């Protein structure tokens, strides 16, 4: 049994649990700690270490996978919205590896959710291209081909009809503008998912986020060639996907590419 710790850093809470990667189940009950009000990397790292120490007897010397609500480019965070500005430009993988004293993989939160759904959730066993979107305040995305993640797609920021897609089609906009499911699906989601379908020709759409529990109210209203199903793992997905990616990186250390300050591959 392979046990790896996954940790999901959010704007309001930091959640972690050891994951049995054979089953995709938590090996211990999840621990959640409030995100510090001043959410600098140093302050959040102290909370992360508290979670790591809490599960130290379970995980041994295994690596740690951590999600962040931001793109992650070769271990570095180019920009961030929901945590302190000091995260911008942080060499996050190096920072957390040194702080925790163990190998650490950093992954975007939507990417982690997508991996979890492919390996242990709604998209398990689906070959080809799976496109997951998370519907909430914005729209997160993950693109996975035959189980391999293509990271940092940020497809919620596609420009459609002169607008940032998530500013028109996110579930938060549905609530803000008092749209019915029918109005939201037929006027906003149809345009968005049709465009994704045109660009990527995916084999499957998976949609997560709180609104996915009401999928029967709006999914049947969409006219798409691509099958669409709701995500299955809900708020467990980030933790499971982070653990899975950390384990993958442990098994494939040679595929990690880094670029130095002179843009030379190292």
Protein backbone atom coordinates (compact mmCIF):
# COMPACT_ATOMS: atom_id res chain seq x y z
CA UNK A 1 0.00 0.00 0.00
CA UNK A 2 1.42 3.37 -1.06
CA UNK A 3 0.50 6.23 1.28
CA UNK A 4 1.28 9.82 0.25
CA UNK A 5 0.15 13.01 1.96
CA UNK A 6 -1.93 15.45 -0.06
CA UNK A 7 -2.52 19.02 1.11
CA UNK A 8 -4.97 21.49 -0.44
CA UNK A 9 -4.21 25.19 0.26
CA UNK A 10 -7.22 27.45 -0.13
CA UNK A 11 -8.08 31.01 0.71
CA UNK A 12 -10.02 30.03 3.84
CA UNK A 13 -8.56 26.70 4.89
CA UNK A 14 -5.60 24.32 4.51
CA UNK A 15 -6.75 20.70 4.32
CA UNK A 16 -4.66 17.55 4.31
CA UNK A 17 -4.91 13.78 4.53
CA UNK A 18 -2.76 10.75 3.76
CA UNK A 19 -4.04 9.05 0.62
CA UNK A 20 -3.98 5.35 -0.21
CA UNK A 21 -3.03 5.69 -3.87
CA UNK A 22 -4.23 2.19 -4.73
CA UNK A 23 -7.81 2.97 -3.75
CA UNK A 24 -7.90 6.78 -3.82
CA UNK A 25 -9.31 6.78 -0.28
CA UNK A 26 -8.07 8.74 2.72
CA UNK A 27 -5.97 6.55 5.01
CA UNK A 28 -6.80 8.83 7.96
CA UNK A 29 -9.43 11.45 8.70
CA UNK A 30 -8.76 14.77 6.99
CA UNK A 31 -7.26 17.61 9.07
CA UNK A 32 -8.34 21.17 8.32
CA UNK A 33 -6.71 24.31 9.73
CA UNK A 34 -7.78 27.88 8.99
CA UNK A 35 -5.62 29.73 6.49
CA UNK A 36 -3.74 32.49 8.37
CA UNK A 37 -5.32 35.92 7.92
CA UNK A 38 -1.92 37.16 6.70
CA UNK A 39 -1.45 34.34 4.22
CA UNK A 40 2.23 34.82 3.36
CA UNK A 41 4.19 31.75 2.20
CA UNK A 42 5.95 31.55 5.57
CA UNK A 43 2.73 31.68 7.59
CA UNK A 44 0.98 29.13 5.38
CA UNK A 45 4.06 26.87 5.43
CA UNK A 46 3.83 26.69 9.23
CA UNK A 47 0.26 25.40 8.90
CA UNK A 48 1.33 22.92 6.22
CA UNK A 49 4.11 21.65 8.49
CA UNK A 50 1.61 21.20 11.31
CA UNK A 51 -0.44 18.94 9.03
CA UNK A 52 2.67 17.04 7.89
CA UNK A 53 3.78 16.52 11.52
CA UNK A 54 0.28 15.34 12.46
CA UNK A 55 0.49 12.49 9.93
CA UNK A 56 4.24 11.79 10.21
CA UNK A 57 3.75 8.30 11.67
CA UNK A 58 1.45 7.34 8.79
CA UNK A 59 3.41 8.72 5.83
CA UNK A 60 6.96 7.91 6.89
CA UNK A 61 9.48 9.50 4.54
CA UNK A 62 7.11 9.73 1.56
CA UNK A 63 6.84 12.94 -0.49
CA UNK A 64 4.12 15.53 -0.08
CA UNK A 65 1.82 16.94 -2.76
CA UNK A 66 0.42 20.44 -2.27
CA UNK A 67 -2.20 22.31 -4.30
CA UNK A 68 -2.30 26.08 -4.65
CA UNK A 69 -4.97 28.31 -6.22
CA UNK A 70 -2.58 29.51 -8.92
CA UNK A 71 -0.66 28.32 -11.97
CA UNK A 72 2.56 26.45 -11.20
CA UNK A 73 5.29 26.73 -13.84
CA UNK A 74 8.31 24.48 -13.20
CA UNK A 75 7.69 24.77 -9.47
CA UNK A 76 7.29 28.54 -9.52
CA UNK A 77 4.11 30.59 -8.98
CA UNK A 78 3.90 33.42 -11.55
CA UNK A 79 0.85 35.11 -9.99
CA UNK A 80 -1.83 34.44 -7.39
CA UNK A 81 -5.21 35.94 -6.51
CA UNK A 82 -6.52 34.40 -3.30
CA UNK A 83 -3.43 34.42 -1.08
CA UNK A 84 -0.90 37.07 -0.01
CA UNK A 85 0.95 38.87 -2.83
CA UNK A 86 4.27 37.50 -1.53
CA UNK A 87 3.43 34.21 -3.28
CA UNK A 88 3.94 35.90 -6.66
CA UNK A 89 7.24 34.74 -8.13
CA UNK A 90 7.86 32.23 -5.33
CA UNK A 91 9.96 29.15 -6.16
CA UNK A 92 7.29 27.22 -4.30
CA UNK A 93 8.58 23.70 -4.80
CA UNK A 94 12.05 24.61 -3.59
CA UNK A 95 10.62 26.65 -0.71
CA UNK A 96 8.35 23.88 0.62
CA UNK A 97 10.89 21.11 0.05
CA UNK A 98 13.40 23.00 2.18
CA UNK A 99 10.83 24.08 4.80
CA UNK A 100 9.38 20.58 5.24
CA UNK A 101 12.61 18.66 4.79
CA UNK A 102 11.07 16.22 2.33
CA UNK A 103 10.39 16.11 -1.45
CA UNK A 104 7.39 18.29 -2.26
CA UNK A 105 5.39 18.67 -5.45
CA UNK A 106 3.28 21.79 -6.02
CA UNK A 107 0.30 21.60 -8.39
CA UNK A 108 -2.56 23.88 -9.40
CA UNK A 109 -5.75 23.00 -7.51
CA UNK A 110 -7.92 22.39 -10.60
CA UNK A 111 -5.16 20.27 -12.17
CA UNK A 112 -5.06 18.17 -9.01
CA UNK A 113 -8.84 17.71 -9.06
CA UNK A 114 -8.66 16.61 -12.69
CA UNK A 115 -5.99 14.01 -11.94
CA UNK A 116 -8.04 12.64 -9.07
CA UNK A 117 -11.18 12.31 -11.19
CA UNK A 118 -9.25 10.46 -13.92
CA UNK A 119 -7.47 8.09 -11.55
CA UNK A 120 -10.15 7.46 -8.93
CA UNK A 121 -13.33 9.37 -9.80
CA UNK A 122 -15.87 10.02 -12.51
CA UNK A 123 -13.40 9.76 -15.42
CA UNK A 124 -11.61 6.59 -14.30
CA UNK A 125 -10.99 4.24 -17.22
CA UNK A 126 -11.76 6.87 -19.86
CA UNK A 127 -9.05 6.88 -22.56
CA UNK A 128 -8.04 9.89 -24.61
CA UNK A 129 -8.61 13.52 -23.68
CA UNK A 130 -10.56 14.44 -20.54
CA UNK A 131 -11.34 18.10 -19.87
CA UNK A 132 -12.40 18.93 -16.33
CA UNK A 133 -13.79 22.30 -15.31
CA UNK A 134 -14.54 23.43 -11.78
CA UNK A 135 -17.47 25.82 -11.44
CA UNK A 136 -17.38 28.29 -8.57
CA UNK A 137 -16.27 31.90 -8.09
CA UNK A 138 -14.41 31.43 -11.37
CA UNK A 139 -13.83 28.50 -13.71
CA UNK A 140 -10.84 26.25 -13.15
CA UNK A 141 -9.72 23.69 -15.70
CA UNK A 142 -7.61 20.57 -16.12
CA UNK A 143 -6.63 18.84 -19.35
CA UNK A 144 -5.57 15.19 -19.10
CA UNK A 145 -4.57 12.92 -21.96
CA UNK A 146 -4.39 9.15 -21.29
CA UNK A 147 -3.85 9.92 -17.61
CA UNK A 148 -1.07 12.48 -18.16
CA UNK A 149 -1.70 16.06 -17.00
CA UNK A 150 -1.15 19.03 -19.32
CA UNK A 151 -0.85 21.69 -16.61
CA UNK A 152 -1.93 25.30 -16.19
CA UNK A 153 -4.57 25.52 -18.90
CA UNK A 154 -6.57 28.34 -17.20
CA UNK A 155 -9.43 27.85 -19.65
CA UNK A 156 -11.77 29.96 -17.55
CA UNK A 157 -9.92 32.96 -18.99
CA UNK A 158 -10.60 32.23 -22.65
CA UNK A 159 -12.03 35.29 -24.38
CA UNK A 160 -15.49 34.59 -25.75
CA UNK A 161 -17.56 37.32 -27.42
CA UNK A 162 -15.24 39.95 -26.00
CA UNK A 163 -15.50 38.73 -22.40
CA UNK A 164 -13.37 36.66 -20.05
CA UNK A 165 -15.30 33.38 -20.10
CA UNK A 166 -15.64 33.03 -16.34
CA UNK A 167 -17.04 36.55 -16.06
CA UNK A 168 -20.05 35.28 -18.03
CA UNK A 169 -20.30 31.55 -17.38
CA UNK A 170 -19.08 30.85 -13.82
CA UNK A 171 -21.70 29.58 -11.39
CA UNK A 172 -21.05 32.64 -9.20
CA UNK A 173 -22.30 34.80 -12.10
CA UNK A 174 -25.45 32.69 -12.32
CA UNK A 175 -26.13 33.51 -8.66
CA UNK A 176 -25.07 37.15 -8.93
CA UNK A 177 -27.31 37.83 -11.92
CA UNK A 178 -30.19 35.69 -10.62
CA UNK A 179 -30.20 33.46 -13.69
CA UNK A 180 -32.30 30.32 -13.79
CA UNK A 181 -30.54 27.05 -14.63
CA UNK A 182 -32.17 27.22 -18.05
CA UNK A 183 -30.91 30.76 -18.73
CA UNK A 184 -27.44 29.95 -17.42
CA UNK A 185 -27.15 26.74 -19.44
CA UNK A 186 -28.63 27.91 -22.72
CA UNK A 187 -27.25 31.46 -22.76
CA UNK A 188 -23.87 31.08 -21.04
CA UNK A 189 -22.70 27.46 -20.68
CA UNK A 190 -23.68 26.40 -24.19
CA UNK A 191 -21.45 29.07 -25.71
CA UNK A 192 -18.54 28.26 -23.37
CA UNK A 193 -18.55 24.47 -23.69
CA UNK A 194 -19.20 24.60 -27.44
CA UNK A 195 -16.07 26.72 -27.78
CA UNK A 196 -14.04 24.28 -25.65
CA UNK A 197 -15.37 21.44 -27.77
CA UNK A 198 -14.32 23.25 -30.96
CA UNK A 199 -10.81 23.93 -29.65
CA UNK A 200 -9.98 20.57 -28.06
CA UNK A 201 -12.37 17.86 -29.33
CA UNK A 202 -12.30 16.16 -25.91
CA UNK A 203 -13.55 12.64 -25.29
CA UNK A 204 -15.23 13.65 -22.03
CA UNK A 205 -16.17 16.75 -20.04
CA UNK A 206 -16.17 16.43 -16.25
CA UNK A 207 -17.67 19.32 -14.28
CA UNK A 208 -16.93 19.87 -10.59
CA UNK A 209 -17.75 22.55 -8.06
CA UNK A 210 -20.80 22.93 -5.87
CA UNK A 211 -23.20 23.33 -8.78
CA UNK A 212 -22.31 19.85 -10.06
CA UNK A 213 -24.60 18.33 -7.43
CA UNK A 214 -27.50 19.92 -9.33
CA UNK A 215 -26.30 18.58 -12.68
CA UNK A 216 -29.72 17.15 -13.56
CA UNK A 217 -31.06 20.73 -13.64
CA UNK A 218 -28.72 21.98 -16.36
CA UNK A 219 -26.53 19.35 -18.04
CA UNK A 220 -29.39 17.91 -20.14
CA UNK A 221 -30.03 21.41 -21.55
CA UNK A 222 -26.63 21.54 -23.26
CA UNK A 223 -26.34 20.45 -26.88
CA UNK A 224 -22.84 19.02 -27.21
CA UNK A 225 -21.23 16.17 -29.11
CA UNK A 226 -18.98 15.42 -26.14
CA UNK A 227 -20.41 13.47 -23.15
CA UNK A 228 -20.53 15.48 -19.92
CA UNK A 229 -20.69 14.05 -16.40
CA UNK A 230 -20.47 15.51 -12.88
CA UNK A 231 -17.30 15.11 -10.83
CA UNK A 232 -17.46 12.44 -8.15
CA UNK A 233 -14.82 13.27 -5.53
CA UNK A 234 -15.97 16.80 -4.62
CA UNK A 235 -13.79 18.42 -1.93
CA UNK A 236 -11.55 15.35 -1.66
CA UNK A 237 -10.28 15.73 -5.22
CA UNK A 238 -7.54 18.30 -4.60
CA UNK A 239 -5.95 16.29 -1.80
CA UNK A 240 -6.11 13.02 -3.77
CA UNK A 241 -4.73 14.59 -6.95
CA UNK A 242 -1.89 16.34 -5.11
CA UNK A 243 -0.84 13.06 -3.52
CA UNK A 244 -1.02 11.28 -6.87
CA UNK A 245 1.13 13.90 -8.60
CA UNK A 246 3.74 13.77 -5.82
CA UNK A 247 3.93 10.00 -6.23
CA UNK A 248 4.22 10.34 -10.02
CA UNK A 249 7.08 12.81 -9.63
CA UNK A 250 8.82 10.43 -7.21
CA UNK A 251 8.63 7.67 -9.83
CA UNK A 252 9.69 9.97 -12.72
CA UNK A 253 12.29 12.40 -11.34
CA UNK A 254 14.04 12.62 -14.70
CA UNK A 255 11.12 14.40 -16.42
CA UNK A 256 11.32 17.53 -14.28
CA UNK A 257 12.53 20.49 -16.36
CA UNK A 258 13.77 23.67 -14.75
CA UNK A 259 14.88 26.93 -16.35
CA UNK A 260 17.50 29.23 -14.83
CA UNK A 261 17.55 33.02 -14.83
CA UNK A 262 19.15 33.07 -18.31
CA UNK A 263 16.36 30.89 -19.73
CA UNK A 264 18.69 27.90 -19.99
CA UNK A 265 17.25 24.46 -19.30
CA UNK A 266 18.93 22.95 -16.23
